[in-house]
Amino acid sequence: MLLAVLFGQLTKRVPNSDGGVYAYARHEFGDFAGYLVGWCYWIQSWAGNAAIVSSWSFTSTHCSSSAPERYAELGIAMFGLWIPR
C-alpha cells in the first residue's frame, strides 16, 4: 500500500512521464540514475520472487508428514508466488 501511495503522489508531481521507478528517477536525477534504479528494481524483483518460492516450498516440505511430489511442490510454490499478489 505504501508503494501504491508513493507512485500516486509521484504521478501527481510528474504528470507527463511514463511512470515507474525508471521514469521518476530519470526525471529527478538524470539518465544514469534512472537506468541504475530501474536495473536494481528489476534485480530485486527477481531475488524477491525466488525468496518467496523457496520459502513456500521449504515450508510446505517441512510442515507435511511426507515429501510432496515434484509437481505438487511446484504448484505450492506458484500458489505462494501468485495468489498473495
C-alpha atoms as a PDB file:
ATOM      1  CA  MET A   1       0.000   0.000   0.000  1.00  0.00           C
ATOM      2  CA  LEU A   2       2.843   2.352   0.794  1.00  0.00           C
ATOM      3  CA  LEU A   3       4.341   1.822  -2.646  1.00  0.00           C
ATOM      4  CA  ALA A   4       0.961   2.480  -4.294  1.00  0.00           C
ATOM      5  CA  VAL A   5       0.564   5.749  -2.380  1.00  0.00           C
ATOM      6  CA  LEU A   6       4.113   6.742  -3.299  1.00  0.00           C
ATOM      7  CA  PHE A   7       3.511   6.129  -7.020  1.00  0.00           C
ATOM      8  CA  GLY A   8       0.221   8.031  -6.799  1.00  0.00           C
ATOM      9  CA  GLN A   9       1.998  11.049  -5.327  1.00  0.00           C
ATOM     10  CA  LEU A  10       4.770  10.839  -7.920  1.00  0.00           C
ATOM     11  CA  THR A  11       2.191  10.723 -10.708  1.00  0.00           C
ATOM     12  CA  LYS A  12       0.737  13.989  -9.425  1.00  0.00           C
ATOM     13  CA  ARG A  13       4.221  15.519  -9.223  1.00  0.00           C
ATOM     14  CA  VAL A  14       5.404  14.357 -12.668  1.00  0.00           C
ATOM     15  CA  PRO A  15       2.218  14.092 -14.763  1.00  0.00           C
ATOM     16  CA  ASN A  16       3.770  13.757 -18.246  1.00  0.00           C
ATOM     17  CA  SER A  17       6.060  10.782 -17.599  1.00  0.00           C
ATOM     18  CA  ASP A  18       5.585   7.127 -18.489  1.00  0.00           C
ATOM     19  CA  GLY A  19       5.558   6.164 -14.806  1.00  0.00           C
ATOM     20  CA  GLY A  20       7.534   3.601 -12.921  1.00  0.00           C
ATOM     21  CA  VAL A  21      10.714   3.787 -10.930  1.00  0.00           C
ATOM     22  CA  TYR A  22      12.871   4.411 -14.004  1.00  0.00           C
ATOM     23  CA  ALA A  23      10.877   7.404 -15.238  1.00  0.00           C
ATOM     24  CA  TYR A  24      10.664   9.123 -11.860  1.00  0.00           C
ATOM     25  CA  ALA A  25      14.345   8.642 -11.036  1.00  0.00           C
ATOM     26  CA  ARG A  26      15.332   9.795 -14.522  1.00  0.00           C
ATOM     27  CA  HIS A  27      13.190  12.895 -14.199  1.00  0.00           C
ATOM     28  CA  GLU A  28      14.780  13.921 -10.898  1.00  0.00           C
ATOM     29  CA  PHE A  29      18.366  12.683 -11.190  1.00  0.00           C
ATOM     30  CA  GLY A  30      19.167  12.124 -14.865  1.00  0.00           C
ATOM     31  CA  ASP A  31      19.520   9.239 -17.305  1.00  0.00           C
ATOM     32  CA  PHE A  32      22.179   7.213 -15.478  1.00  0.00           C
ATOM     33  CA  ALA A  33      20.331   7.330 -12.151  1.00  0.00           C
ATOM     34  CA  GLY A  34      17.106   6.293 -13.871  1.00  0.00           C
ATOM     35  CA  TYR A  35      18.857   3.369 -15.526  1.00  0.00           C
ATOM     36  CA  LEU A  36      20.525   2.311 -12.280  1.00  0.00           C
ATOM     37  CA  VAL A  37      17.297   2.497 -10.268  1.00  0.00           C
ATOM     38  CA  GLY A  38      15.361   0.578 -12.927  1.00  0.00           C
ATOM     39  CA  TRP A  39      18.023  -2.120 -13.136  1.00  0.00           C
ATOM     40  CA  CYS A  40      18.270  -2.518  -9.347  1.00  0.00           C
ATOM     41  CA  TYR A  41      14.466  -2.700  -9.023  1.00  0.00           C
ATOM     42  CA  TRP A  42      14.354  -5.421 -11.685  1.00  0.00           C
ATOM     43  CA  ILE A  43      17.098  -7.448  -9.959  1.00  0.00           C
ATOM     44  CA  GLN A  44      15.472  -7.184  -6.529  1.00  0.00           C
ATOM     45  CA  SER A  45      12.159  -8.292  -8.028  1.00  0.00           C
ATOM     46  CA  TRP A  46      13.792 -11.463  -9.338  1.00  0.00           C
ATOM     47  CA  ALA A  47      15.511 -12.083  -5.995  1.00  0.00           C
ATOM     48  CA  GLY A  48      12.297 -11.422  -4.071  1.00  0.00           C
ATOM     49  CA  ASN A  49      10.309 -13.848  -6.221  1.00  0.00           C
ATOM     50  CA  ALA A  50      12.961 -16.531  -5.747  1.00  0.00           C
ATOM     51  CA  ALA A  51      12.858 -15.999  -1.979  1.00  0.00           C
ATOM     52  CA  ILE A  52       9.062 -16.286  -1.913  1.00  0.00           C
ATOM     53  CA  VAL A  53       9.075 -19.510  -3.934  1.00  0.00           C
ATOM     54  CA  SER A  54      11.867 -21.006  -1.819  1.00  0.00           C
ATOM     55  CA  SER A  55      10.157 -20.163   1.451  1.00  0.00           C
ATOM     56  CA  TRP A  56       6.803 -21.617   0.347  1.00  0.00           C
ATOM     57  CA  SER A  57       8.492 -24.792  -0.901  1.00  0.00           C
ATOM     58  CA  PHE A  58      10.523 -25.175   2.284  1.00  0.00           C
ATOM     59  CA  THR A  59       7.512 -24.528   4.493  1.00  0.00           C
ATOM     60  CA  SER A  60       5.302 -26.997   2.640  1.00  0.00           C
ATOM     61  CA  THR A  61       8.013 -29.672   2.780  1.00  0.00           C
ATOM     62  CA  HIS A  62       8.680 -29.005   6.462  1.00  0.00           C
ATOM     63  CA  CYS A  63       5.007 -28.998   7.517  1.00  0.00           C
ATOM     64  CA  SER A  64       3.873 -32.073   5.614  1.00  0.00           C
ATOM     65  CA  SER A  65       4.388 -35.556   7.015  1.00  0.00           C
ATOM     66  CA  SER A  66       5.757 -36.827   3.718  1.00  0.00           C
ATOM     67  CA  ALA A  67       7.688 -35.102   0.965  1.00  0.00           C
ATOM     68  CA  PRO A  68       5.324 -33.775  -1.710  1.00  0.00           C
ATOM     69  CA  GLU A  69       5.627 -34.845  -5.316  1.00  0.00           C
ATOM     70  CA  ARG A  70       7.688 -32.640  -7.593  1.00  0.00           C
ATOM     71  CA  TYR A  71       4.636 -31.197  -9.379  1.00  0.00           C
ATOM     72  CA  ALA A  72       2.802 -30.669  -6.103  1.00  0.00           C
ATOM     73  CA  GLU A  73       5.768 -28.709  -4.781  1.00  0.00           C
ATOM     74  CA  LEU A  74       5.803 -26.635  -7.966  1.00  0.00           C
ATOM     75  CA  GLY A  75       2.086 -25.954  -7.562  1.00  0.00           C
ATOM     76  CA  ILE A  76       2.582 -24.880  -3.959  1.00  0.00           C
ATOM     77  CA  ALA A  77       5.413 -22.569  -4.999  1.00  0.00           C
ATOM     78  CA  MET A  78       3.322 -20.978  -7.756  1.00  0.00           C
ATOM     79  CA  PHE A  79       0.414 -20.585  -5.341  1.00  0.00           C
ATOM     80  CA  GLY A  80       2.721 -18.814  -2.914  1.00  0.00           C
ATOM     81  CA  LEU A  81       4.040 -16.535  -5.629  1.00  0.00           C
ATOM     82  CA  TRP A  82       0.847 -15.547  -7.459  1.00  0.00           C
ATOM     83  CA  ILE A  83      -2.051 -15.685  -5.011  1.00  0.00           C
ATOM     84  CA  PRO A  84      -0.824 -13.153  -2.409  1.00  0.00           C
ATOM     85  CA  ARG A  85      -0.079 -10.543  -5.064  1.00  0.00           C
END
